[in-house]
Amino acid sequence: MTRQITINLDGQQFMLDLEFEQRDHSIVYHVTPNKHFSDQIPAGFEMIQTNADTEAAPTYDGSGLSEQGRHIAESISHQISLLPPQFKGGKTAEA
């Protein structure tokens, strides 16, 4: 499933696409960079959130990212952590 999210960078808002994939023990977010920062986030950039820790922000490999790229990745990770479970690829709580 693909979802668009909006991040705030230096007072400007940018939209980007996230495709999430449910795996056995994690959710993998495939980030499609916005054209305004595609040189800062590589194609195929992924963030991973373990199913056991769905309340925490997803993690990512920051090696190879510039300082601006890490700032963008942190903004994306934070925005993902704010999404309700059904929009993060997780399951909703059942009563």
N, C-alpha and C. Protein backbone atom coordinates (compact mmCIF):
# COMPACT_ATOMS: atom_id res chain seq x y z
N MET A 1 0.84 -1.16 0.00
CA MET A 1 0.00 0.00 0.00
C MET A 1 0.89 1.24 0.00
N THR A 2 0.45 2.28 -0.69
CA THR A 2 1.20 3.53 -0.75
C THR A 2 0.38 4.63 -0.08
N ARG A 3 1.07 5.49 0.64
CA ARG A 3 0.42 6.61 1.32
C ARG A 3 1.29 7.84 1.15
N GLN A 4 0.66 8.98 0.96
CA GLN A 4 1.38 10.24 0.91
C GLN A 4 1.43 10.83 2.30
N ILE A 5 2.59 11.38 2.66
CA ILE A 5 2.72 12.10 3.92
C ILE A 5 3.32 13.47 3.62
N THR A 6 3.15 14.37 4.55
CA THR A 6 3.71 15.71 4.43
C THR A 6 4.70 15.92 5.56
N ILE A 7 5.88 16.42 5.22
CA ILE A 7 6.86 16.75 6.24
C ILE A 7 7.15 18.24 6.17
N ASN A 8 7.61 18.79 7.27
CA ASN A 8 7.94 20.21 7.35
C ASN A 8 9.45 20.34 7.43
N LEU A 9 10.05 21.02 6.47
CA LEU A 9 11.49 21.25 6.45
C LEU A 9 11.76 22.74 6.30
N ASP A 10 12.42 23.29 7.28
CA ASP A 10 12.80 24.71 7.23
C ASP A 10 11.63 25.61 6.89
N GLY A 11 10.48 25.33 7.51
CA GLY A 11 9.31 26.17 7.31
C GLY A 11 8.53 25.89 6.03
N GLN A 12 8.97 24.93 5.23
CA GLN A 12 8.25 24.56 4.01
C GLN A 12 7.69 23.16 4.16
N GLN A 13 6.55 22.91 3.56
CA GLN A 13 5.95 21.58 3.60
C GLN A 13 6.20 20.87 2.28
N PHE A 14 6.56 19.60 2.38
CA PHE A 14 6.81 18.76 1.21
C PHE A 14 6.02 17.47 1.34
N MET A 15 5.48 17.02 0.22
CA MET A 15 4.78 15.73 0.20
C MET A 15 5.71 14.68 -0.39
N LEU A 16 5.57 13.46 0.11
CA LEU A 16 6.33 12.35 -0.46
C LEU A 16 5.50 11.09 -0.32
N ASP A 17 5.85 10.09 -1.11
CA ASP A 17 5.13 8.82 -1.10
C ASP A 17 5.86 7.81 -0.24
N LEU A 18 5.10 7.07 0.53
CA LEU A 18 5.61 5.95 1.33
C LEU A 18 4.88 4.70 0.89
N GLU A 19 5.61 3.69 0.58
CA GLU A 19 5.00 2.39 0.32
C GLU A 19 5.40 1.51 1.49
N PHE A 20 4.41 0.89 2.14
CA PHE A 20 4.79 0.06 3.27
C PHE A 20 4.52 -1.40 2.99
N GLU A 21 5.40 -2.21 3.54
CA GLU A 21 5.39 -3.65 3.31
C GLU A 21 5.43 -4.35 4.67
N GLN A 22 4.44 -5.18 4.93
CA GLN A 22 4.38 -5.94 6.17
C GLN A 22 5.22 -7.20 6.01
N ARG A 23 6.21 -7.35 6.88
CA ARG A 23 7.02 -8.57 6.90
C ARG A 23 6.71 -9.31 8.19
N ASP A 24 7.35 -10.47 8.40
CA ASP A 24 7.04 -11.28 9.58
C ASP A 24 7.15 -10.52 10.89
N HIS A 25 8.24 -9.79 11.09
CA HIS A 25 8.47 -9.13 12.37
C HIS A 25 8.68 -7.63 12.25
N SER A 26 8.34 -7.06 11.12
CA SER A 26 8.56 -5.63 10.94
C SER A 26 7.70 -5.06 9.83
N ILE A 27 7.66 -3.76 9.79
CA ILE A 27 7.04 -3.01 8.70
C ILE A 27 8.17 -2.24 8.03
N VAL A 28 8.29 -2.38 6.72
CA VAL A 28 9.33 -1.68 5.97
C VAL A 28 8.66 -0.58 5.16
N TYR A 29 9.16 0.63 5.33
CA TYR A 29 8.66 1.80 4.59
C TYR A 29 9.64 2.11 3.48
N HIS A 30 9.18 2.08 2.25
CA HIS A 30 9.99 2.43 1.09
C HIS A 30 9.67 3.89 0.76
N VAL A 31 10.65 4.75 0.87
CA VAL A 31 10.46 6.19 0.69
C VAL A 31 10.75 6.57 -0.76
N THR A 32 9.79 7.24 -1.39
CA THR A 32 10.01 7.83 -2.70
C THR A 32 10.27 9.30 -2.48
N PRO A 33 11.51 9.74 -2.68
CA PRO A 33 11.86 11.13 -2.35
C PRO A 33 11.11 12.14 -3.20
N ASN A 34 10.86 13.27 -2.60
CA ASN A 34 10.29 14.41 -3.28
C ASN A 34 11.35 15.00 -4.20
N LYS A 35 10.96 15.56 -5.33
CA LYS A 35 11.93 16.10 -6.28
C LYS A 35 12.79 17.21 -5.66
N HIS A 36 12.29 17.87 -4.62
CA HIS A 36 13.03 18.97 -3.99
C HIS A 36 14.20 18.48 -3.13
N PHE A 37 14.16 17.20 -2.71
CA PHE A 37 15.27 16.69 -1.92
C PHE A 37 15.72 15.30 -2.36
N SER A 38 15.49 14.99 -3.63
CA SER A 38 15.89 13.68 -4.14
C SER A 38 17.40 13.49 -4.14
N ASP A 39 18.16 14.58 -4.12
CA ASP A 39 19.62 14.45 -4.04
C ASP A 39 20.09 14.19 -2.61
N GLN A 40 19.22 14.36 -1.63
CA GLN A 40 19.57 14.14 -0.22
C GLN A 40 19.16 12.76 0.31
N ILE A 41 18.13 12.19 -0.28
CA ILE A 41 17.63 10.86 0.11
C ILE A 41 17.75 9.97 -1.12
N PRO A 42 18.51 8.88 -1.01
CA PRO A 42 18.72 8.02 -2.19
C PRO A 42 17.45 7.25 -2.60
N ALA A 43 17.37 6.92 -3.87
CA ALA A 43 16.28 6.07 -4.34
C ALA A 43 16.38 4.74 -3.61
N GLY A 44 15.26 4.17 -3.25
CA GLY A 44 15.26 2.90 -2.54
C GLY A 44 15.50 3.04 -1.05
N PHE A 45 15.44 4.27 -0.52
CA PHE A 45 15.65 4.50 0.91
C PHE A 45 14.54 3.82 1.70
N GLU A 46 14.92 3.10 2.76
CA GLU A 46 13.96 2.35 3.57
C GLU A 46 14.07 2.71 5.04
N MET A 47 12.94 2.63 5.69
CA MET A 47 12.86 2.76 7.15
C MET A 47 12.17 1.51 7.66
N ILE A 48 12.59 1.05 8.84
CA ILE A 48 12.06 -0.20 9.37
C ILE A 48 11.54 0.01 10.78
N GLN A 49 10.37 -0.56 11.03
CA GLN A 49 9.78 -0.52 12.36
C GLN A 49 9.41 -1.94 12.75
N THR A 50 9.94 -2.38 13.89
CA THR A 50 9.60 -3.73 14.33
C THR A 50 8.17 -3.76 14.84
N ASN A 51 7.52 -4.89 14.64
CA ASN A 51 6.14 -5.04 15.10
C ASN A 51 6.04 -4.94 16.62
N ALA A 52 7.11 -5.32 17.32
CA ALA A 52 7.10 -5.28 18.77
C ALA A 52 7.17 -3.85 19.30
N ASP A 53 7.59 -2.91 18.48
CA ASP A 53 7.79 -1.54 18.95
C ASP A 53 7.08 -0.54 18.05
N THR A 54 5.78 -0.76 17.84
CA THR A 54 5.04 0.09 16.91
C THR A 54 4.79 1.49 17.44
N GLU A 55 5.05 1.73 18.72
CA GLU A 55 4.89 3.08 19.27
C GLU A 55 6.10 3.95 18.99
N ALA A 56 7.24 3.36 18.73
CA ALA A 56 8.47 4.11 18.47
C ALA A 56 8.55 4.53 17.01
N ALA A 57 9.41 5.49 16.74
CA ALA A 57 9.64 5.93 15.36
C ALA A 57 10.44 4.87 14.62
N PRO A 58 10.22 4.72 13.33
CA PRO A 58 11.00 3.75 12.55
C PRO A 58 12.48 4.13 12.49
N THR A 59 13.32 3.14 12.32
CA THR A 59 14.76 3.36 12.22
C THR A 59 15.20 3.26 10.77
N TYR A 60 16.41 3.73 10.51
CA TYR A 60 16.95 3.73 9.15
C TYR A 60 18.46 3.73 9.21
N ASP A 61 19.07 3.39 8.09
CA ASP A 61 20.52 3.40 7.98
C ASP A 61 20.93 4.80 7.52
N GLY A 62 21.56 5.55 8.42
CA GLY A 62 21.94 6.92 8.11
C GLY A 62 23.30 7.05 7.44
N SER A 63 24.02 5.93 7.30
CA SER A 63 25.32 6.02 6.63
C SER A 63 25.11 6.41 5.18
N GLY A 64 25.92 7.30 4.71
CA GLY A 64 25.80 7.76 3.34
C GLY A 64 24.87 8.95 3.18
N LEU A 65 24.19 9.35 4.26
CA LEU A 65 23.32 10.52 4.19
C LEU A 65 24.11 11.75 4.63
N SER A 66 23.86 12.86 3.97
CA SER A 66 24.44 14.13 4.39
C SER A 66 23.72 14.59 5.65
N GLU A 67 24.20 15.67 6.24
CA GLU A 67 23.52 16.20 7.43
C GLU A 67 22.08 16.59 7.08
N GLN A 68 21.89 17.22 5.94
CA GLN A 68 20.53 17.57 5.50
C GLN A 68 19.71 16.31 5.25
N GLY A 69 20.31 15.28 4.68
CA GLY A 69 19.62 14.01 4.44
C GLY A 69 19.17 13.37 5.73
N ARG A 70 20.02 13.42 6.77
CA ARG A 70 19.64 12.88 8.08
C ARG A 70 18.49 13.68 8.69
N HIS A 71 18.52 14.98 8.50
CA HIS A 71 17.43 15.84 9.00
C HIS A 71 16.12 15.48 8.29
N ILE A 72 16.17 15.27 6.99
CA ILE A 72 14.98 14.88 6.23
C ILE A 72 14.49 13.53 6.70
N ALA A 73 15.41 12.56 6.87
CA ALA A 73 15.03 11.22 7.32
C ALA A 73 14.40 11.27 8.71
N GLU A 74 14.93 12.10 9.60
CA GLU A 74 14.34 12.24 10.94
C GLU A 74 12.92 12.81 10.84
N SER A 75 12.72 13.77 9.96
CA SER A 75 11.39 14.35 9.77
C SER A 75 10.40 13.30 9.26
N ILE A 76 10.85 12.48 8.33
CA ILE A 76 10.00 11.41 7.79
C ILE A 76 9.68 10.41 8.89
N SER A 77 10.70 9.98 9.62
CA SER A 77 10.52 9.02 10.70
C SER A 77 9.54 9.54 11.74
N HIS A 78 9.69 10.81 12.11
CA HIS A 78 8.79 11.41 13.09
C HIS A 78 7.35 11.43 12.57
N GLN A 79 7.19 11.80 11.31
CA GLN A 79 5.84 11.88 10.74
C GLN A 79 5.19 10.49 10.70
N ILE A 80 5.96 9.47 10.37
CA ILE A 80 5.43 8.09 10.36
C ILE A 80 4.98 7.71 11.76
N SER A 81 5.76 8.08 12.77
CA SER A 81 5.41 7.69 14.15
C SER A 81 4.10 8.33 14.60
N LEU A 82 3.68 9.41 13.97
CA LEU A 82 2.43 10.07 14.34
C LEU A 82 1.20 9.47 13.67
N LEU A 83 1.39 8.64 12.67
CA LEU A 83 0.27 8.05 11.95
C LEU A 83 -0.46 7.02 12.82
N PRO A 84 -1.79 6.92 12.69
CA PRO A 84 -2.51 5.86 13.40
C PRO A 84 -2.09 4.50 12.83
N PRO A 85 -2.21 3.44 13.63
CA PRO A 85 -1.74 2.11 13.20
C PRO A 85 -2.25 1.66 11.84
N GLN A 86 -3.51 1.92 11.52
CA GLN A 86 -4.04 1.45 10.24
C GLN A 86 -3.40 2.13 9.06
N PHE A 87 -2.79 3.31 9.26
CA PHE A 87 -2.10 3.99 8.18
C PHE A 87 -0.60 3.74 8.17
N LYS A 88 -0.12 3.01 9.17
CA LYS A 88 1.30 2.68 9.24
C LYS A 88 1.55 1.26 8.75
N GLY A 89 0.51 0.58 8.35
CA GLY A 89 0.70 -0.80 7.92
C GLY A 89 0.51 -1.78 9.04
N GLY A 90 0.25 -1.25 10.24
CA GLY A 90 0.03 -2.11 11.39
C GLY A 90 -1.44 -2.49 11.50
N LYS A 91 -1.77 -3.07 12.60
CA LYS A 91 -3.15 -3.51 12.83
C LYS A 91 -3.80 -2.57 13.85
N THR A 92 -5.08 -2.38 13.73
CA THR A 92 -5.78 -1.59 14.72
C THR A 92 -6.10 -2.47 15.91
N ALA A 93 -6.24 -1.86 17.05
CA ALA A 93 -6.58 -2.62 18.26
C ALA A 93 -8.04 -3.02 18.18
N GLU A 94 -8.32 -4.23 18.55
CA GLU A 94 -9.71 -4.70 18.54
C GLU A 94 -10.23 -4.74 19.95
N ALA A 95 -11.47 -4.36 20.12
CA ALA A 95 -12.07 -4.34 21.46
C ALA A 95 -12.50 -5.71 21.89
